[in-house]
Amino acid sequence: MNHDLPLTDPATSVVTPDKHRSAHNATEPTTSDLVGWTAESPGRGTLSLVITCLTTIALCTWVVIHPRIERRKRIRRWHKLALFIKSFIAPELIAVEAAQEWKQAQQVVKESSKSGSVPISTVQAYYIGMFGIRYRTRHGTKILWPTQFLWLVEQGLLDEELQIQWGLTDEIIHDKGNADATAKLFALLQSAWFVAQSIMRAVHNLPLSPLESMTLGYIPLFAVTYFYWWVKPKDIEVPSEVDLPSMTAEQYITFQNLCISEAFDAENRPEQYSLWQIWYLTPRIFEKVEAEKELEKALQEGDAKQRIYALHFSTCPNRGCADCKRLRPSTYRPKKEVVLSHWDPRLYHSKLWPITCLFGVSFGALHLVSWDTSFPTHVEAWLWRAAAITSMVTLFTFMQFEKVVVRWQDPLMLVKIVSPFLYLVSRLIMLGGAIAAFRACDPAIYETYVVSTYWVHLL
């Protein structure tokens, strides 16, 4: 790569020699040297720079999203929009969710192979975990959870022939998916070009704008997310509706108790139509295990009436039946915990977690590429830098807690609540600062090298 390539001056739209670049590096531009909106020139202008960044972010965000299977059209659209917003505001958390879902899929594959039956693939495990199978009931349909699927396999109630009848094969699942290979390829090429462009600017001692630094921060996190979701089915709109195999009353009670959540079923209950569901990817198996531990603890610590009620409620196939109401103590008040986060214990206690934390802080760290970039005011410059550092520190702190439940008697409760709040505030400051910086920025941002010498610019 030739370091003596001519550079374009946006003010004059003429080619200037390297001595101008050296002189520019010698002193930081003063307020009078800063430029606002810059028209397109032989270099680049504000409009093309903004379009390139926003297109890269939007394209990668939309392609990387792998929503759950939601049969209701209205909820489906809101859910995908919610995932898009989550990916835009907190790409680190989407990457962790993808890692947790991959971990669960691997667990389901491993457990299914122990039963002596035909082991399922990772694609099938993803399909089951993303609400791909619903079984019919008298009141509608209910989700078949991975825990219930594994139990059916263990009991010999779900053989290979029935799995085929349910449409649980890789070919059928892939056929139902709507993944666009062209969009994936275009997103990959655009991301690769953006990274190459940023590297080439660094080689030529040309600064990146804050918006470019922010865009650069998304790319490694999207790469990690897509790595975990590479084989996960995408944009399936209609789940498979099946009939359960015949089982005894005792088996059915055991089967129902393995349900992770009833909030996503379709039995015309009010709680099953809450819009809060749009923010969830899917509940996890480890959350069910945690709930069972809490129930066991309640059985040990409660009085006799509460223990009888909790024991009945835990085994009742029809929650809220006449016996539930009869046995419920008048003084009994079930705990309603506000859970801010809960990481998968298998991931949290694994060797992958330190690496996961490093990827978590990479987003804020890559913003610091623009540390020396000139901002309209010194206050904005230091606010941007402080926000980038704050986002790194607060998210790293928040990721050290396996489960965050709002309990004010907890001495660390203030830290657990303040850290995600400060992270969100810092993200908004970085976003606002990246946009506001264009009103008066370093003119060197618009200087460039001869692109045609290297590659074809996509956008």
Protein backbone atom coordinates (compact mmCIF):
# COMPACT_ATOMS: atom_id res chain seq x y z
CA MET A 1 0.00 0.00 0.00
CA ASN A 2 1.44 3.35 -1.03
CA HIS A 3 1.54 5.82 1.87
CA ASP A 4 2.21 8.75 -0.48
CA LEU A 5 -1.17 8.71 -2.17
CA PRO A 6 -2.68 12.16 -2.72
CA LEU A 7 -5.30 13.38 -0.27
CA THR A 8 -8.39 15.41 -1.06
CA ASP A 9 -9.05 18.71 0.67
CA PRO A 10 -12.85 19.14 1.11
CA ALA A 11 -12.60 22.92 1.22
CA THR A 12 -11.02 23.29 -2.21
CA SER A 13 -11.94 19.93 -3.81
CA VAL A 14 -8.43 19.68 -5.20
CA VAL A 15 -5.67 17.15 -4.61
CA THR A 16 -3.14 18.30 -2.00
CA PRO A 17 0.26 16.77 -1.21
CA ASP A 18 1.26 14.94 1.96
CA LYS A 19 2.90 18.05 3.43
CA HIS A 20 -0.61 19.36 4.09
CA ARG A 21 -1.37 16.19 6.05
CA SER A 22 1.83 16.60 8.08
CA ALA A 23 1.05 20.19 8.83
CA HIS A 24 -2.44 19.22 9.86
CA ASN A 25 -1.15 16.63 12.30
CA ALA A 26 1.26 19.09 13.86
CA THR A 27 -1.45 21.15 15.51
CA GLU A 28 -5.00 20.42 16.59
CA PRO A 29 -7.50 22.38 14.50
CA THR A 30 -8.94 25.45 16.20
CA THR A 31 -12.65 26.23 16.38
CA SER A 32 -12.40 28.39 13.28
CA ASP A 33 -10.84 25.50 11.34
CA LEU A 34 -13.76 23.13 12.00
CA VAL A 35 -16.27 22.52 9.24
CA GLY A 36 -19.99 21.77 9.32
CA TRP A 37 -22.04 20.09 6.64
CA THR A 38 -19.73 19.27 3.75
CA ALA A 39 -20.98 18.68 0.22
CA GLU A 40 -19.84 15.72 -1.81
CA SER A 41 -16.41 16.24 -3.37
CA PRO A 42 -13.58 14.16 -4.88
CA GLY A 43 -13.11 13.05 -1.26
CA ARG A 44 -16.31 12.37 0.62
CA GLY A 45 -19.14 14.42 2.04
CA THR A 46 -21.30 14.38 5.15
CA LEU A 47 -24.27 12.74 3.43
CA SER A 48 -22.34 9.79 2.02
CA LEU A 49 -20.52 9.27 5.33
CA VAL A 50 -23.78 9.21 7.32
CA ILE A 51 -25.54 6.96 4.79
CA THR A 52 -22.66 4.47 4.80
CA CYS A 53 -22.62 4.23 8.62
CA LEU A 54 -26.39 3.98 9.08
CA THR A 55 -26.74 1.49 6.23
CA THR A 56 -24.02 -0.73 7.71
CA ILE A 57 -25.64 -0.63 11.17
CA ALA A 58 -29.20 -1.17 9.92
CA LEU A 59 -28.25 -3.92 7.48
CA CYS A 60 -26.17 -5.89 9.97
CA THR A 61 -28.75 -5.44 12.73
CA TRP A 62 -31.66 -6.62 10.59
CA VAL A 63 -29.78 -9.61 9.16
CA VAL A 64 -28.48 -10.79 12.54
CA ILE A 65 -31.94 -10.84 14.16
CA HIS A 66 -33.36 -14.37 14.58
CA PRO A 67 -36.74 -13.93 16.32
CA ARG A 68 -38.78 -16.63 17.97
CA ILE A 69 -41.69 -18.19 16.07
CA GLU A 70 -44.80 -16.18 16.88
CA ARG A 71 -48.10 -17.27 15.29
CA ARG A 72 -49.83 -13.92 16.04
CA LYS A 73 -49.02 -11.49 13.24
CA ARG A 74 -49.28 -8.32 15.34
CA ILE A 75 -47.04 -9.64 18.12
CA ARG A 76 -44.62 -11.02 15.52
CA ARG A 77 -44.03 -7.60 14.00
CA TRP A 78 -43.65 -5.85 17.35
CA HIS A 79 -41.31 -8.60 18.58
CA LYS A 80 -38.98 -8.22 15.60
CA LEU A 81 -38.99 -4.43 16.01
CA ALA A 82 -38.18 -4.85 19.71
CA LEU A 83 -35.23 -7.10 18.88
CA PHE A 84 -34.03 -4.53 16.35
CA ILE A 85 -34.13 -1.79 19.01
CA LYS A 86 -32.35 -4.03 21.53
CA SER A 87 -29.65 -4.86 18.98
CA PHE A 88 -29.18 -1.18 18.16
CA ILE A 89 -29.07 0.09 21.75
CA ALA A 90 -27.30 -2.85 23.42
CA PRO A 91 -25.63 -5.16 20.86
CA GLU A 92 -23.58 -6.73 23.66
CA LEU A 93 -26.71 -8.14 25.33
CA ILE A 94 -27.98 -9.65 22.07
CA ALA A 95 -24.61 -11.37 21.66
CA VAL A 96 -24.89 -12.84 25.16
CA GLU A 97 -28.48 -13.97 24.48
CA ALA A 98 -27.26 -15.73 21.35
CA ALA A 99 -24.51 -17.46 23.34
CA GLN A 100 -27.03 -18.58 25.98
CA GLU A 101 -29.40 -19.94 23.34
CA TRP A 102 -26.55 -21.80 21.65
CA LYS A 103 -25.57 -23.30 25.02
CA GLN A 104 -29.14 -24.49 25.59
CA ALA A 105 -29.38 -25.98 22.09
CA GLN A 106 -26.17 -27.93 22.70
CA GLN A 107 -27.57 -29.20 26.00
CA VAL A 108 -30.77 -30.40 24.31
CA VAL A 109 -28.75 -32.21 21.62
CA LYS A 110 -26.56 -33.85 24.26
CA GLU A 111 -29.50 -34.93 26.45
CA SER A 112 -31.43 -36.34 23.50
CA SER A 113 -28.47 -38.53 22.51
CA LYS A 114 -28.45 -40.16 25.97
CA SER A 115 -31.93 -41.61 25.54
CA GLY A 116 -30.86 -44.20 22.97
CA SER A 117 -33.23 -42.65 20.45
CA VAL A 118 -32.17 -40.95 17.23
CA PRO A 119 -30.30 -37.80 18.40
CA ILE A 120 -31.62 -34.49 17.13
CA SER A 121 -29.51 -31.87 15.37
CA THR A 122 -28.68 -28.35 16.52
CA VAL A 123 -31.14 -27.00 13.94
CA GLN A 124 -33.93 -29.09 15.47
CA ALA A 125 -32.92 -28.04 18.99
CA TYR A 126 -33.08 -24.37 17.96
CA TYR A 127 -36.47 -24.94 16.32
CA ILE A 128 -37.94 -26.46 19.49
CA GLY A 129 -36.44 -23.74 21.69
CA MET A 130 -37.83 -20.90 19.55
CA PHE A 131 -41.47 -22.07 19.96
CA GLY A 132 -41.47 -24.12 16.76
CA ILE A 133 -43.83 -26.82 18.07
CA ARG A 134 -47.23 -26.25 19.67
CA TYR A 135 -49.51 -29.03 20.83
CA ARG A 136 -53.30 -28.84 20.73
CA THR A 137 -55.44 -28.63 23.88
CA ARG A 138 -59.17 -28.14 24.52
CA HIS A 139 -58.62 -24.39 24.92
CA GLY A 140 -56.15 -23.76 22.08
CA THR A 141 -52.48 -24.55 21.68
CA LYS A 142 -49.55 -24.66 24.08
CA ILE A 143 -45.80 -24.50 23.48
CA LEU A 144 -43.82 -27.72 23.62
CA TRP A 145 -40.76 -26.74 25.65
CA PRO A 146 -37.33 -28.42 25.29
CA THR A 147 -37.74 -29.93 28.78
CA GLN A 148 -41.02 -31.53 27.73
CA PHE A 149 -39.57 -32.73 24.44
CA LEU A 150 -36.67 -34.43 26.21
CA TRP A 151 -39.05 -36.07 28.67
CA LEU A 152 -41.17 -37.47 25.82
CA VAL A 153 -38.04 -38.92 24.24
CA GLU A 154 -36.88 -40.43 27.55
CA GLN A 155 -40.28 -42.06 28.10
CA GLY A 156 -40.23 -43.60 24.61
CA LEU A 157 -43.33 -41.59 23.63
CA LEU A 158 -41.62 -39.72 20.81
CA ASP A 159 -39.85 -41.96 18.33
CA GLU A 160 -38.24 -41.10 15.00
CA GLU A 161 -41.42 -41.77 13.02
CA LEU A 162 -43.47 -39.36 15.14
CA GLN A 163 -40.75 -36.71 14.85
CA ILE A 164 -41.04 -36.95 11.06
CA GLN A 165 -44.84 -36.65 11.31
CA TRP A 166 -44.34 -33.50 13.39
CA GLY A 167 -42.13 -32.06 10.64
CA LEU A 168 -39.08 -32.15 12.89
CA THR A 169 -36.42 -32.69 10.21
CA ASP A 170 -33.69 -30.32 9.07
CA GLU A 171 -35.06 -30.24 5.51
CA ILE A 172 -38.58 -29.22 6.52
CA ILE A 173 -37.32 -26.65 9.03
CA HIS A 174 -35.00 -25.05 6.48
CA ASP A 175 -37.81 -25.04 3.94
CA LYS A 176 -40.04 -23.09 6.36
CA GLY A 177 -37.34 -20.51 7.03
CA ASN A 178 -37.08 -17.21 5.19
CA ALA A 179 -33.37 -16.52 5.48
CA ASP A 180 -32.13 -14.42 2.56
CA ALA A 181 -28.66 -15.56 1.48
CA THR A 182 -28.27 -12.45 -0.68
CA ALA A 183 -28.91 -10.12 2.26
CA LYS A 184 -26.42 -12.07 4.40
CA LEU A 185 -23.77 -11.86 1.70
CA PHE A 186 -24.36 -8.16 1.17
CA ALA A 187 -24.16 -7.49 4.92
CA LEU A 188 -20.92 -9.47 5.10
CA LEU A 189 -19.35 -7.58 2.19
CA GLN A 190 -20.48 -4.20 3.50
CA SER A 191 -19.08 -4.94 6.99
CA ALA A 192 -15.79 -6.22 5.55
CA TRP A 193 -15.47 -3.13 3.38
CA PHE A 194 -16.22 -0.82 6.29
CA VAL A 195 -13.51 -2.44 8.43
CA ALA A 196 -11.03 -2.31 5.53
CA GLN A 197 -11.87 1.33 4.92
CA SER A 198 -11.28 2.17 8.61
CA ILE A 199 -7.92 0.37 8.57
CA MET A 200 -6.83 2.19 5.41
CA ARG A 201 -7.74 5.54 6.95
CA ALA A 202 -5.61 4.69 9.99
CA VAL A 203 -2.69 3.74 7.70
CA HIS A 204 -2.97 7.14 6.00
CA ASN A 205 -3.23 8.99 9.35
CA LEU A 206 -6.79 10.06 8.59
CA PRO A 207 -9.23 10.30 11.53
CA LEU A 208 -12.57 8.56 11.81
CA SER A 209 -15.70 10.46 12.72
CA PRO A 210 -17.42 9.47 16.01
CA LEU A 211 -20.25 7.91 14.00
CA GLU A 212 -17.74 5.71 12.15
CA SER A 213 -16.20 4.61 15.45
CA MET A 214 -19.65 3.71 16.74
CA THR A 215 -20.40 1.72 13.58
CA LEU A 216 -17.08 -0.09 13.92
CA GLY A 217 -18.08 -1.13 17.45
CA TYR A 218 -21.15 -3.01 16.20
CA ILE A 219 -19.34 -5.26 13.74
CA PRO A 220 -17.44 -7.66 16.08
CA LEU A 221 -20.52 -8.10 18.26
CA PHE A 222 -22.69 -8.85 15.25
CA ALA A 223 -20.05 -11.32 14.09
CA VAL A 224 -20.18 -13.13 17.46
CA THR A 225 -23.99 -13.14 17.45
CA TYR A 226 -24.16 -14.54 13.96
CA PHE A 227 -21.54 -17.18 14.82
CA TYR A 228 -23.83 -18.57 17.52
CA TRP A 229 -26.96 -18.26 15.37
CA TRP A 230 -25.40 -19.48 12.13
CA VAL A 231 -27.60 -22.60 11.88
CA LYS A 232 -30.61 -21.18 13.74
CA PRO A 233 -33.75 -20.99 11.55
CA LYS A 234 -34.75 -17.44 10.66
CA ASP A 235 -38.09 -15.68 10.14
CA ILE A 236 -40.36 -18.74 10.40
CA GLU A 237 -43.88 -17.39 10.76
CA VAL A 238 -46.01 -20.50 11.34
CA PRO A 239 -45.19 -23.09 14.04
CA SER A 240 -45.94 -26.80 13.74
CA GLU A 241 -49.21 -27.71 15.49
CA VAL A 242 -49.24 -31.33 16.66
CA ASP A 243 -51.21 -33.80 18.77
CA LEU A 244 -49.47 -35.25 21.81
CA PRO A 245 -48.92 -39.03 21.99
CA SER A 246 -51.19 -40.96 24.34
CA MET A 247 -50.10 -40.94 27.97
CA THR A 248 -51.52 -41.80 31.39
CA ALA A 249 -52.94 -39.19 33.78
CA GLU A 250 -49.80 -39.35 35.93
CA GLN A 251 -47.58 -38.95 32.88
CA TYR A 252 -49.62 -35.96 31.73
CA ILE A 253 -49.24 -34.26 35.12
CA THR A 254 -45.48 -34.81 35.02
CA PHE A 255 -45.39 -33.54 31.44
CA GLN A 256 -47.29 -30.35 32.35
CA ASN A 257 -45.01 -29.65 35.31
CA LEU A 258 -42.05 -29.45 32.93
CA CYS A 259 -43.56 -26.36 31.29
CA ILE A 260 -41.17 -23.39 31.58
CA SER A 261 -43.80 -20.67 31.13
CA GLU A 262 -47.49 -20.45 30.23
CA ALA A 263 -47.36 -16.77 29.25
CA PHE A 264 -46.68 -17.57 25.57
CA ASP A 265 -49.44 -20.16 25.11
CA ALA A 266 -52.59 -19.47 23.07
CA GLU A 267 -55.50 -20.36 25.31
CA ASN A 268 -57.23 -16.95 25.34
CA ARG A 269 -55.97 -15.94 28.76
CA PRO A 270 -55.28 -12.20 29.33
CA GLU A 271 -51.65 -12.69 30.44
CA GLN A 272 -50.91 -14.44 27.13
CA TYR A 273 -51.52 -11.24 25.18
CA SER A 274 -49.26 -8.87 27.10
CA LEU A 275 -47.08 -6.64 24.91
CA TRP A 276 -44.24 -7.05 27.43
CA GLN A 277 -43.62 -10.42 25.75
CA ILE A 278 -42.17 -8.67 22.69
CA TRP A 279 -38.90 -7.94 24.55
CA TYR A 280 -38.21 -11.60 25.35
CA LEU A 281 -36.30 -13.84 23.00
CA THR A 282 -37.51 -16.97 24.83
CA PRO A 283 -37.47 -18.15 28.46
CA ARG A 284 -34.62 -20.56 29.16
CA ILE A 285 -34.35 -24.00 30.74
CA PHE A 286 -32.07 -22.68 33.47
CA GLU A 287 -34.82 -20.28 34.56
CA LYS A 288 -37.13 -23.25 35.12
CA VAL A 289 -34.44 -24.99 37.17
CA GLU A 290 -34.00 -21.83 39.25
CA ALA A 291 -37.77 -21.59 39.83
CA GLU A 292 -37.86 -25.19 41.06
CA LYS A 293 -35.06 -24.41 43.52
CA GLU A 294 -37.00 -21.41 44.81
CA LEU A 295 -40.11 -23.58 45.23
CA GLU A 296 -38.15 -26.21 47.13
CA LYS A 297 -36.77 -23.49 49.38
CA ALA A 298 -40.30 -22.16 49.99
CA LEU A 299 -41.49 -25.66 50.90
CA GLN A 300 -38.72 -25.96 53.47
CA GLU A 301 -39.14 -22.51 55.01
CA GLY A 302 -42.95 -22.03 54.90
CA ASP A 303 -45.48 -23.10 57.54
CA ALA A 304 -47.57 -26.27 57.19
CA LYS A 305 -50.46 -24.69 55.23
CA GLN A 306 -48.14 -22.92 52.85
CA ARG A 307 -46.16 -26.11 52.22
CA ILE A 308 -49.35 -28.05 51.44
CA TYR A 309 -50.53 -25.36 49.06
CA ALA A 310 -47.12 -24.98 47.35
CA LEU A 311 -46.83 -28.75 46.92
CA HIS A 312 -50.30 -29.00 45.37
CA PHE A 313 -49.77 -25.95 43.15
CA SER A 314 -46.46 -27.33 41.85
CA THR A 315 -48.11 -30.57 40.66
CA CYS A 316 -51.47 -29.21 39.52
CA PRO A 317 -51.96 -29.56 35.73
CA ASN A 318 -54.65 -26.86 35.78
CA ARG A 319 -53.24 -23.96 37.77
CA GLY A 320 -56.01 -22.03 39.56
CA CYS A 321 -58.44 -24.96 39.92
CA ALA A 322 -60.98 -25.28 42.77
CA ASP A 323 -58.48 -27.20 44.94
CA CYS A 324 -55.87 -24.47 44.43
CA LYS A 325 -58.34 -21.87 45.70
CA ARG A 326 -59.46 -24.09 48.61
CA LEU A 327 -55.96 -24.92 49.81
CA ARG A 328 -54.50 -21.43 49.42
CA PRO A 329 -53.89 -19.89 52.91
CA SER A 330 -55.53 -16.51 53.41
CA THR A 331 -52.19 -15.03 54.49
CA TYR A 332 -50.22 -16.56 51.63
CA ARG A 333 -48.66 -14.07 49.27
CA PRO A 334 -46.40 -15.57 46.59
CA LYS A 335 -43.21 -13.65 46.01
CA LYS A 336 -43.08 -11.58 42.86
CA GLU A 337 -39.46 -10.92 42.07
CA VAL A 338 -38.28 -8.26 39.66
CA VAL A 339 -35.41 -9.91 37.76
CA LEU A 340 -33.18 -7.46 35.88
CA SER A 341 -30.88 -10.12 34.44
CA HIS A 342 -30.09 -13.79 34.78
CA TRP A 343 -27.14 -15.30 32.96
CA ASP A 344 -27.07 -18.99 32.12
CA PRO A 345 -25.03 -20.65 34.94
CA ARG A 346 -23.38 -23.02 32.46
CA LEU A 347 -22.09 -20.04 30.49
CA TYR A 348 -21.44 -17.81 33.51
CA HIS A 349 -19.25 -20.41 35.23
CA SER A 350 -17.49 -21.56 32.06
CA LYS A 351 -14.16 -20.50 30.59
CA LEU A 352 -16.11 -18.60 27.90
CA TRP A 353 -17.43 -16.01 30.36
CA PRO A 354 -14.23 -13.91 30.66
CA ILE A 355 -14.08 -13.80 26.85
CA THR A 356 -17.77 -12.87 26.78
CA CYS A 357 -17.08 -9.99 29.16
CA LEU A 358 -14.25 -8.75 26.93
CA PHE A 359 -16.56 -8.75 23.92
CA GLY A 360 -19.07 -6.93 26.09
CA VAL A 361 -16.72 -4.00 26.66
CA SER A 362 -15.44 -4.00 23.08
CA PHE A 363 -18.30 -1.83 21.90
CA GLY A 364 -17.37 1.08 24.15
CA ALA A 365 -13.66 0.45 23.63
CA LEU A 366 -13.91 0.84 19.85
CA HIS A 367 -15.58 4.22 20.36
CA LEU A 368 -12.29 5.40 21.81
CA VAL A 369 -10.76 5.20 18.33
CA SER A 370 -12.14 8.74 18.02
CA TRP A 371 -10.48 9.91 21.24
CA ASP A 372 -8.42 12.59 19.44
CA THR A 373 -11.20 13.61 17.06
CA SER A 374 -12.13 17.28 17.30
CA PHE A 375 -15.61 17.99 18.63
CA PRO A 376 -17.53 21.29 18.41
CA THR A 377 -16.66 22.03 22.06
CA HIS A 378 -14.26 20.65 24.67
CA VAL A 379 -17.27 19.77 26.85
CA GLU A 380 -18.71 17.54 24.12
CA ALA A 381 -15.32 15.92 23.55
CA TRP A 382 -14.90 14.96 27.18
CA LEU A 383 -18.55 13.98 27.51
CA TRP A 384 -18.09 11.57 24.59
CA ARG A 385 -14.91 10.11 26.11
CA ALA A 386 -16.47 9.79 29.57
CA ALA A 387 -19.57 8.12 28.11
CA ALA A 388 -17.47 5.56 26.22
CA ILE A 389 -15.48 4.68 29.34
CA THR A 390 -18.65 4.60 31.47
CA SER A 391 -20.34 2.17 29.08
CA MET A 392 -17.36 -0.17 29.38
CA VAL A 393 -17.10 -0.02 33.17
CA THR A 394 -20.84 -0.26 33.91
CA LEU A 395 -21.52 -3.18 31.57
CA PHE A 396 -18.46 -5.07 32.81
CA THR A 397 -19.68 -4.50 36.39
CA PHE A 398 -23.22 -5.61 35.54
CA MET A 399 -21.97 -8.81 33.89
CA GLN A 400 -20.24 -9.90 37.12
CA PHE A 401 -23.59 -10.67 38.78
CA GLU A 402 -25.06 -14.02 37.77
CA LYS A 403 -28.60 -13.01 38.72
CA VAL A 404 -29.84 -9.53 39.54
CA VAL A 405 -33.06 -9.47 41.54
CA VAL A 406 -34.44 -6.29 43.10
CA ARG A 407 -33.97 -6.88 46.83
CA TRP A 408 -33.28 -3.69 48.78
CA GLN A 409 -31.74 -5.60 51.69
CA ASP A 410 -28.92 -6.55 49.31
CA PRO A 411 -25.91 -4.27 50.10
CA LEU A 412 -24.90 -4.28 46.39
CA MET A 413 -28.41 -3.52 45.14
CA LEU A 414 -27.57 0.11 44.32
CA VAL A 415 -24.62 -0.98 42.18
CA LYS A 416 -26.74 -3.58 40.38
CA ILE A 417 -29.43 -1.02 39.49
CA VAL A 418 -27.25 2.02 38.79
CA SER A 419 -24.83 0.20 36.44
CA PRO A 420 -27.41 -0.67 33.71
CA PHE A 421 -28.99 2.78 34.09
CA LEU A 422 -25.64 4.52 33.57
CA TYR A 423 -24.91 2.21 30.66
CA LEU A 424 -28.14 3.24 28.93
CA VAL A 425 -27.45 6.93 29.59
CA SER A 426 -23.90 6.62 28.25
CA ARG A 427 -25.18 4.90 25.09
CA LEU A 428 -27.62 7.75 24.45
CA ILE A 429 -24.86 10.30 25.02
CA MET A 430 -22.53 8.54 22.58
CA LEU A 431 -25.27 8.34 19.97
CA GLY A 432 -26.23 11.98 20.42
CA GLY A 433 -22.60 13.08 20.43
CA ALA A 434 -21.84 11.18 17.22
CA ILE A 435 -24.66 12.97 15.42
CA ALA A 436 -24.05 16.42 16.95
CA ALA A 437 -20.34 16.28 16.07
CA PHE A 438 -21.13 16.81 12.39
CA ARG A 439 -22.11 20.43 12.97
CA ALA A 440 -18.43 21.34 13.52
CA CYS A 441 -15.79 18.66 12.98
CA ASP A 442 -12.21 18.19 11.87
CA PRO A 443 -11.96 18.77 8.08
CA ALA A 444 -9.52 15.84 7.90
CA ILE A 445 -12.53 13.55 8.40
CA TYR A 446 -13.52 14.36 4.81
CA GLU A 447 -10.06 13.86 3.35
CA THR A 448 -9.52 10.52 1.68
CA TYR A 449 -7.23 8.45 -0.50
CA VAL A 450 -7.72 7.08 -4.01
CA VAL A 451 -10.28 4.31 -3.37
CA SER A 452 -10.21 2.91 -6.89
CA THR A 453 -6.64 1.77 -6.35
CA TYR A 454 -7.81 -0.79 -3.78
CA TRP A 455 -11.40 -1.97 -4.06
CA VAL A 456 -14.90 -1.22 -5.23
CA HIS A 457 -16.87 0.96 -2.80
CA LEU A 458 -20.25 -0.66 -2.18
CA LEU A 459 -21.97 2.34 -0.61
